[in-house]
Amino acid sequence: MSEALPHWLDDVEVRFVHPYQAVKAYLCPHCNRNIPSGTGHVVVVPREAPDLRRHWHKGCWQLTDRQKSARSRTAGG
């Protein structure tokens, strides 16, 4: 993901969904691939707009979170 990250990723709550809790399939916004039911993943909830919550593959979120941290260090924040 080389483009700028959405500003709402700055203040989010991240919740882990265990495989036994994952009863529906979702589409990961990072890779646009399916997260099948029964697959552990994370739910990312913007604090200012909880209705914009999204389900991510755990690895996709970790990659995005590292990118966000690297940009923050580069910007001096």
C-alpha atoms as a PDB file:
ATOM      1  CA  MET A   1       0.000   0.000   0.000  1.00  0.00           C
ATOM      2  CA  SER A   2       2.079   2.896  -1.238  1.00  0.00           C
ATOM      3  CA  GLU A   3      -0.539   5.665  -1.141  1.00  0.00           C
ATOM      4  CA  ALA A   4      -1.188   7.770   1.928  1.00  0.00           C
ATOM      5  CA  LEU A   5      -3.023   6.014   4.713  1.00  0.00           C
ATOM      6  CA  PRO A   6      -6.499   7.322   5.604  1.00  0.00           C
ATOM      7  CA  HIS A   7      -6.414   9.887   8.415  1.00  0.00           C
ATOM      8  CA  TRP A   8      -8.896   7.853  10.473  1.00  0.00           C
ATOM      9  CA  LEU A   9      -6.202   5.217  11.047  1.00  0.00           C
ATOM     10  CA  ASP A  10      -4.555   7.627  13.488  1.00  0.00           C
ATOM     11  CA  ASP A  11      -7.037   7.045  16.318  1.00  0.00           C
ATOM     12  CA  VAL A  12      -8.555   3.570  16.261  1.00  0.00           C
ATOM     13  CA  GLU A  13      -9.437   0.711  18.548  1.00  0.00           C
ATOM     14  CA  VAL A  14      -8.201  -2.666  17.312  1.00  0.00           C
ATOM     15  CA  ARG A  15     -10.030  -5.805  18.424  1.00  0.00           C
ATOM     16  CA  PHE A  16      -8.934  -9.378  17.709  1.00  0.00           C
ATOM     17  CA  VAL A  17     -11.667 -11.724  16.502  1.00  0.00           C
ATOM     18  CA  HIS A  18     -10.947 -15.354  17.396  1.00  0.00           C
ATOM     19  CA  PRO A  19     -11.679 -17.976  14.746  1.00  0.00           C
ATOM     20  CA  TYR A  20     -14.631 -19.366  16.719  1.00  0.00           C
ATOM     21  CA  GLN A  21     -16.123 -15.844  16.856  1.00  0.00           C
ATOM     22  CA  ALA A  22     -15.771 -15.221  13.113  1.00  0.00           C
ATOM     23  CA  VAL A  23     -19.151 -16.368  11.851  1.00  0.00           C
ATOM     24  CA  LYS A  24     -19.293 -14.179   8.713  1.00  0.00           C
ATOM     25  CA  ALA A  25     -16.985 -13.573   5.770  1.00  0.00           C
ATOM     26  CA  TYR A  26     -15.554 -10.080   5.218  1.00  0.00           C
ATOM     27  CA  LEU A  27     -13.439  -8.285   2.635  1.00  0.00           C
ATOM     28  CA  CYS A  28     -10.087  -6.936   3.844  1.00  0.00           C
ATOM     29  CA  PRO A  29      -9.710  -3.254   2.822  1.00  0.00           C
ATOM     30  CA  HIS A  30      -5.931  -3.578   2.509  1.00  0.00           C
ATOM     31  CA  CYS A  31      -5.600  -6.484   0.089  1.00  0.00           C
ATOM     32  CA  ASN A  32      -9.228  -6.687  -1.122  1.00  0.00           C
ATOM     33  CA  ARG A  33      -9.254 -10.424  -0.469  1.00  0.00           C
ATOM     34  CA  ASN A  34     -11.821 -12.468   1.394  1.00  0.00           C
ATOM     35  CA  ILE A  35     -11.574 -13.179   5.114  1.00  0.00           C
ATOM     36  CA  PRO A  36     -13.519 -16.454   5.313  1.00  0.00           C
ATOM     37  CA  SER A  37     -15.744 -17.267   8.267  1.00  0.00           C
ATOM     38  CA  GLY A  38     -13.814 -19.190  10.892  1.00  0.00           C
ATOM     39  CA  THR A  39     -10.653 -17.128  10.281  1.00  0.00           C
ATOM     40  CA  GLY A  40      -9.141 -15.065  13.083  1.00  0.00           C
ATOM     41  CA  HIS A  41      -8.724 -11.415  12.112  1.00  0.00           C
ATOM     42  CA  VAL A  42      -8.873  -7.904  13.539  1.00  0.00           C
ATOM     43  CA  VAL A  43     -11.634  -5.318  13.578  1.00  0.00           C
ATOM     44  CA  VAL A  44     -10.359  -1.746  13.312  1.00  0.00           C
ATOM     45  CA  VAL A  45     -12.812   0.802  14.721  1.00  0.00           C
ATOM     46  CA  PRO A  46     -12.180   4.545  14.251  1.00  0.00           C
ATOM     47  CA  ARG A  47     -12.925   6.249  17.579  1.00  0.00           C
ATOM     48  CA  GLU A  48     -14.576   9.236  15.894  1.00  0.00           C
ATOM     49  CA  ALA A  49     -16.619   7.162  13.428  1.00  0.00           C
ATOM     50  CA  PRO A  50     -17.338   3.652  14.772  1.00  0.00           C
ATOM     51  CA  ASP A  51     -19.730   2.986  11.905  1.00  0.00           C
ATOM     52  CA  LEU A  52     -16.656   2.939   9.613  1.00  0.00           C
ATOM     53  CA  ARG A  53     -15.238  -0.154  11.324  1.00  0.00           C
ATOM     54  CA  ARG A  54     -13.495  -2.594   8.995  1.00  0.00           C
ATOM     55  CA  HIS A  55     -12.364  -6.204   9.264  1.00  0.00           C
ATOM     56  CA  TRP A  56      -8.720  -6.791   8.296  1.00  0.00           C
ATOM     57  CA  HIS A  57      -6.455  -9.810   7.982  1.00  0.00           C
ATOM     58  CA  LYS A  58      -4.175  -9.659  11.000  1.00  0.00           C
ATOM     59  CA  GLY A  59      -1.078  -9.558   8.776  1.00  0.00           C
ATOM     60  CA  CYS A  60      -2.494  -6.786   6.589  1.00  0.00           C
ATOM     61  CA  TRP A  61      -3.234  -4.673   9.662  1.00  0.00           C
ATOM     62  CA  GLN A  62       0.245  -5.292  11.098  1.00  0.00           C
ATOM     63  CA  LEU A  63       1.795  -4.198   7.790  1.00  0.00           C
ATOM     64  CA  THR A  64      -0.342  -1.041   7.697  1.00  0.00           C
ATOM     65  CA  ASP A  65       0.423  -0.306  11.347  1.00  0.00           C
ATOM     66  CA  ARG A  66       4.178  -0.592  10.647  1.00  0.00           C
ATOM     67  CA  GLN A  67       3.825   1.739   7.654  1.00  0.00           C
ATOM     68  CA  LYS A  68       1.972   4.235   9.835  1.00  0.00           C
ATOM     69  CA  SER A  69       4.715   4.038  12.508  1.00  0.00           C
ATOM     70  CA  ALA A  70       7.472   4.513   9.926  1.00  0.00           C
ATOM     71  CA  ARG A  71       5.733   7.586   8.473  1.00  0.00           C
ATOM     72  CA  SER A  72       5.278   8.996  11.958  1.00  0.00           C
ATOM     73  CA  ARG A  73       9.000   8.586  12.735  1.00  0.00           C
ATOM     74  CA  THR A  74       9.949  10.152   9.372  1.00  0.00           C
ATOM     75  CA  ALA A  75       7.677  13.121  10.036  1.00  0.00           C
ATOM     76  CA  GLY A  76       9.209  13.581  13.474  1.00  0.00           C
ATOM     77  CA  GLY A  77       6.098  12.529  15.365  1.00  0.00           C
END
